[in-house]
C-alpha atoms as a PDB file:
ATOM      1  CA  MET A   1     240.078  77.282  22.163  1.00  0.00           C
ATOM      2  CA  LYS A   2     241.468  80.624  21.056  1.00  0.00           C
ATOM      3  CA  SER A   3     237.964  81.888  20.339  1.00  0.00           C
ATOM      4  CA  ARG A   4     236.899  80.980  23.881  1.00  0.00           C
ATOM      5  CA  GLU A   5     239.857  82.920  25.326  1.00  0.00           C
ATOM      6  CA  THR A   6     238.944  85.887  23.148  1.00  0.00           C
ATOM      7  CA  LEU A   7     235.334  85.645  24.302  1.00  0.00           C
ATOM      8  CA  ILE A   8     236.442  85.564  27.953  1.00  0.00           C
ATOM      9  CA  ARG A   9     238.610  88.648  27.411  1.00  0.00           C
ATOM     10  CA  LEU A  10     235.691  90.410  25.726  1.00  0.00           C
ATOM     11  CA  LYS A  11     233.333  89.540  28.595  1.00  0.00           C
ATOM     12  CA  LYS A  12     235.895  90.751  31.158  1.00  0.00           C
ATOM     13  CA  PHE A  13     236.231  94.017  29.240  1.00  0.00           C
ATOM     14  CA  GLN A  14     232.448  94.417  29.206  1.00  0.00           C
ATOM     15  CA  VAL A  15     232.266  93.795  32.965  1.00  0.00           C
ATOM     16  CA  ASP A  16     235.013  96.369  33.544  1.00  0.00           C
ATOM     17  CA  GLU A  17     233.170  98.908  31.372  1.00  0.00           C
ATOM     18  CA  LYS A  18     229.949  98.339  33.322  1.00  0.00           C
ATOM     19  CA  ARG A  19     231.845  98.736  36.617  1.00  0.00           C
ATOM     20  CA  ARG A  20     233.333 102.010  35.417  1.00  0.00           C
ATOM     21  CA  ARG A  21     229.872 103.235  34.399  1.00  0.00           C
ATOM     22  CA  VAL A  22     228.441 102.364  37.827  1.00  0.00           C
ATOM     23  CA  ALA A  23     231.332 104.147  39.551  1.00  0.00           C
ATOM     24  CA  GLN A  24     230.926 107.172  37.296  1.00  0.00           C
ATOM     25  CA  ILE A  25     227.210 107.480  38.057  1.00  0.00           C
ATOM     26  CA  GLU A  26     227.835 107.015  41.783  1.00  0.00           C
ATOM     27  CA  GLY A  27     230.446 109.763  41.629  1.00  0.00           C
ATOM     28  CA  MET A  28     228.068 112.108  39.841  1.00  0.00           C
ATOM     29  CA  ILE A  29     225.340 111.454  42.416  1.00  0.00           C
ATOM     30  CA  ALA A  30     227.784 112.164  45.247  1.00  0.00           C
ATOM     31  CA  ASP A  31     228.890 115.389  43.536  1.00  0.00           C
ATOM     32  CA  PHE A  32     225.294 116.517  43.074  1.00  0.00           C
ATOM     33  CA  GLN A  33     224.480 115.743  46.699  1.00  0.00           C
ATOM     34  CA  ARG A  34     227.547 117.647  47.860  1.00  0.00           C
ATOM     35  CA  MET A  35     226.624 120.650  45.695  1.00  0.00           C
ATOM     36  CA  THR A  36     223.026 120.485  46.966  1.00  0.00           C
ATOM     37  CA  ALA A  37     224.226 120.591  50.585  1.00  0.00           C
ATOM     38  CA  GLU A  38     226.547 123.475  49.743  1.00  0.00           C
ATOM     39  CA  LEU A  39     223.702 125.414  48.137  1.00  0.00           C
ATOM     40  CA  GLU A  40     221.515 124.714  51.171  1.00  0.00           C
ATOM     41  CA  ARG A  41     224.163 126.324  53.394  1.00  0.00           C
ATOM     42  CA  GLU A  42     224.446 129.315  51.067  1.00  0.00           C
ATOM     43  CA  ILE A  43     220.660 129.739  51.074  1.00  0.00           C
ATOM     44  CA  GLN A  44     220.620 129.680  54.888  1.00  0.00           C
ATOM     45  CA  ILE A  45     223.416 132.254  55.050  1.00  0.00           C
ATOM     46  CA  GLU A  46     221.643 134.507  52.538  1.00  0.00           C
ATOM     47  CA  GLN A  47     218.347 134.234  54.420  1.00  0.00           C
ATOM     48  CA  GLU A  48     220.047 135.070  57.732  1.00  0.00           C
ATOM     49  CA  ARG A  49     221.830 138.020  56.143  1.00  0.00           C
ATOM     50  CA  ALA A  50     218.571 139.391  54.671  1.00  0.00           C
ATOM     51  CA  GLY A  51     216.481 138.434  57.683  1.00  0.00           C
ATOM     52  CA  ILE A  52     213.823 136.942  55.372  1.00  0.00           C
ATOM     53  CA  SER A  53     213.212 133.218  55.056  1.00  0.00           C
ATOM     54  CA  ASP A  54     209.949 133.252  53.054  1.00  0.00           C
ATOM     55  CA  PRO A  55     210.717 132.816  49.315  1.00  0.00           C
ATOM     56  CA  SER A  56     207.363 134.382  48.399  1.00  0.00           C
ATOM     57  CA  HIS A  57     208.233 137.623  50.269  1.00  0.00           C
ATOM     58  CA  PHE A  58     208.753 140.533  47.852  1.00  0.00           C
ATOM     59  CA  ALA A  59     212.173 141.368  49.347  1.00  0.00           C
ATOM     60  CA  TYR A  60     213.479 137.789  49.409  1.00  0.00           C
ATOM     61  CA  PRO A  61     217.073 137.778  48.120  1.00  0.00           C
ATOM     62  CA  THR A  62     217.379 137.068  44.385  1.00  0.00           C
ATOM     63  CA  TYR A  63     220.518 135.005  44.943  1.00  0.00           C
ATOM     64  CA  ALA A  64     218.652 132.768  47.404  1.00  0.00           C
ATOM     65  CA  LYS A  65     215.827 132.269  44.875  1.00  0.00           C
ATOM     66  CA  ALA A  66     218.341 131.295  42.208  1.00  0.00           C
ATOM     67  CA  ALA A  67     220.150 128.982  44.635  1.00  0.00           C
ATOM     68  CA  ILE A  68     216.871 127.283  45.576  1.00  0.00           C
ATOM     69  CA  GLN A  69     216.122 126.668  41.905  1.00  0.00           C
ATOM     70  CA  ARG A  70     219.606 125.301  41.304  1.00  0.00           C
ATOM     71  CA  ARG A  71     219.335 123.085  44.414  1.00  0.00           C
ATOM     72  CA  GLU A  72     216.010 121.686  43.168  1.00  0.00           C
ATOM     73  CA  ASN A  73     217.492 121.036  39.719  1.00  0.00           C
ATOM     74  CA  LEU A  74     220.458 119.228  41.249  1.00  0.00           C
ATOM     75  CA  SER A  75     218.175 117.149  43.461  1.00  0.00           C
ATOM     76  CA  ARG A  76     216.038 116.211  40.466  1.00  0.00           C
ATOM     77  CA  SER A  77     219.129 115.300  38.460  1.00  0.00           C
ATOM     78  CA  ALA A  78     220.432 113.156  41.335  1.00  0.00           C
ATOM     79  CA  GLU A  79     217.120 111.288  41.456  1.00  0.00           C
ATOM     80  CA  GLU A  80     217.262 110.686  37.708  1.00  0.00           C
ATOM     81  CA  LEU A  81     220.816 109.422  38.078  1.00  0.00           C
ATOM     82  CA  LYS A  82     219.691 106.996  40.787  1.00  0.00           C
ATOM     83  CA  VAL A  83     217.350 105.406  38.243  1.00  0.00           C
ATOM     84  CA  GLN A  84     220.242 105.198  35.773  1.00  0.00           C
ATOM     85  CA  LEU A  85     222.418 103.728  38.520  1.00  0.00           C
ATOM     86  CA  GLU A  86     219.956 100.911  39.172  1.00  0.00           C
ATOM     87  CA  ASP A  87     219.871 100.154  35.445  1.00  0.00           C
ATOM     88  CA  ALA A  88     223.679 100.248  35.235  1.00  0.00           C
ATOM     89  CA  LYS A  89     223.948  97.890  38.220  1.00  0.00           C
ATOM     90  CA  ALA A  90     221.504  95.490  36.569  1.00  0.00           C
ATOM     91  CA  GLN A  91     223.565  95.587  33.367  1.00  0.00           C
ATOM     92  CA  LEU A  92     226.723  94.951  35.397  1.00  0.00           C
ATOM     93  CA  GLY A  93     225.082  91.941  37.030  1.00  0.00           C
ATOM     94  CA  GLU A  94     224.059  90.556  33.644  1.00  0.00           C
ATOM     95  CA  ALA A  95     227.529  91.096  32.176  1.00  0.00           C
ATOM     96  CA  PHE A  96     229.096  89.378  35.199  1.00  0.00           C
ATOM     97  CA  GLU A  97     226.731  86.394  34.829  1.00  0.00           C
ATOM     98  CA  GLU A  98     227.637  86.093  31.141  1.00  0.00           C
ATOM     99  CA  LEU A  99     231.331  86.152  32.026  1.00  0.00           C
ATOM    100  CA  LYS A 100     230.860  83.433  34.644  1.00  0.00           C
ATOM    101  CA  LYS A 101     228.951  81.245  32.155  1.00  0.00           C
ATOM    102  CA  VAL A 102     231.754  81.489  29.602  1.00  0.00           C
ATOM    103  CA  GLU A 103     234.398  80.834  32.273  1.00  0.00           C
ATOM    104  CA  LEU A 104     232.495  77.779  33.515  1.00  0.00           C
ATOM    105  CA  LEU A 105     232.204  76.428  29.982  1.00  0.00           C
ATOM    106  CA  ASP A 106     235.925  76.952  29.520  1.00  0.00           C
ATOM    107  CA  GLU A 107     236.722  75.177  32.791  1.00  0.00           C
ATOM    108  CA  ARG A 108     234.461  72.277  31.830  1.00  0.00           C
ATOM    109  CA  ASP A 109     236.141  71.973  28.418  1.00  0.00           C
ATOM    110  CA  GLN A 110     239.593  72.081  30.000  1.00  0.00           C
ATOM    111  CA  ALA A 111     238.613  69.398  32.528  1.00  0.00           C
ATOM    112  CA  ARG A 112     237.286  67.208  29.709  1.00  0.00           C
ATOM    113  CA  GLU A 113     240.508  67.701  27.729  1.00  0.00           C
ATOM    114  CA  ARG A 114     242.591  66.810  30.787  1.00  0.00           C
ATOM    115  CA  ALA A 115     240.511  63.675  31.331  1.00  0.00           C
ATOM    116  CA  GLU A 116     240.926  62.665  27.682  1.00  0.00           C
ATOM    117  CA  GLU A 117     244.678  63.279  27.856  1.00  0.00           C
ATOM    118  CA  SER A 118     244.894  61.276  31.062  1.00  0.00           C
ATOM    119  CA  ALA A 119     242.958  58.410  29.457  1.00  0.00           C
ATOM    120  CA  ARG A 120     245.308  58.450  26.430  1.00  0.00           C
ATOM    121  CA  GLU A 121     248.366  58.425  28.708  1.00  0.00           C
ATOM    122  CA  GLN A 122     246.894  55.551  30.721  1.00  0.00           C
ATOM    123  CA  ALA A 123     246.183  53.611  27.523  1.00  0.00           C
ATOM    124  CA  GLU A 124     249.790  54.139  26.409  1.00  0.00           C
ATOM    125  CA  MET A 125     251.083  52.958  29.783  1.00  0.00           C
ATOM    126  CA  ASP A 126     248.805  49.911  29.611  1.00  0.00           C
ATOM    127  CA  ASN A 127     250.166  49.077  26.161  1.00  0.00           C
ATOM    128  CA  ILE A 128     253.746  49.430  27.376  1.00  0.00           C
ATOM    129  CA  GLY A 129     253.003  47.196  30.357  1.00  0.00           C
ATOM    130  CA  LEU A 130     251.298  44.636  28.133  1.00  0.00           C
ATOM    131  CA  MET A 131     254.255  44.601  25.731  1.00  0.00           C
ATOM    132  CA  ARG A 132     256.701  44.161  28.616  1.00  0.00           C
ATOM    133  CA  SER A 133     254.727  41.284  30.061  1.00  0.00           C
ATOM    134  CA  ARG A 134     254.676  39.603  26.634  1.00  0.00           C
ATOM    135  CA  MET A 135     258.415  40.158  26.270  1.00  0.00           C
ATOM    136  CA  THR A 136     259.139  38.591  29.657  1.00  0.00           C
ATOM    137  CA  ALA A 137     256.775  35.698  28.868  1.00  0.00           C
ATOM    138  CA  LEU A 138     258.664  34.989  25.626  1.00  0.00           C
ATOM    139  CA  ALA A 139     262.052  35.154  27.220  1.00  0.00           C
END
């Protein structure tokens, strides 16, 4: 029984680790999206300041070009993280299913043990009752 309890604790730990991983990836995606939006605003401000919005124009601001590249990199990274997030969520689902299987097995074993204990107690009570009825029949 101890090994089953240890297994349940291990499975719970694994589920918690998977949850933390999902939350971490979600946080990173949110950060990247926030930084992308911030860069978009900075690009707009730089374009308005320079009066040029065409990145291929020879006088297009260097900072805006760099910000566009950084924004694209962040967007690409966020998309890659979304793939990782789906994988992490699938792993979390699998870990949760494994935990539930072990918990169900444990519950079933406990129910069987309770039923066996109840049957033993009932057998003892039956024996006591049988002995009492014999004692009163002899007296």
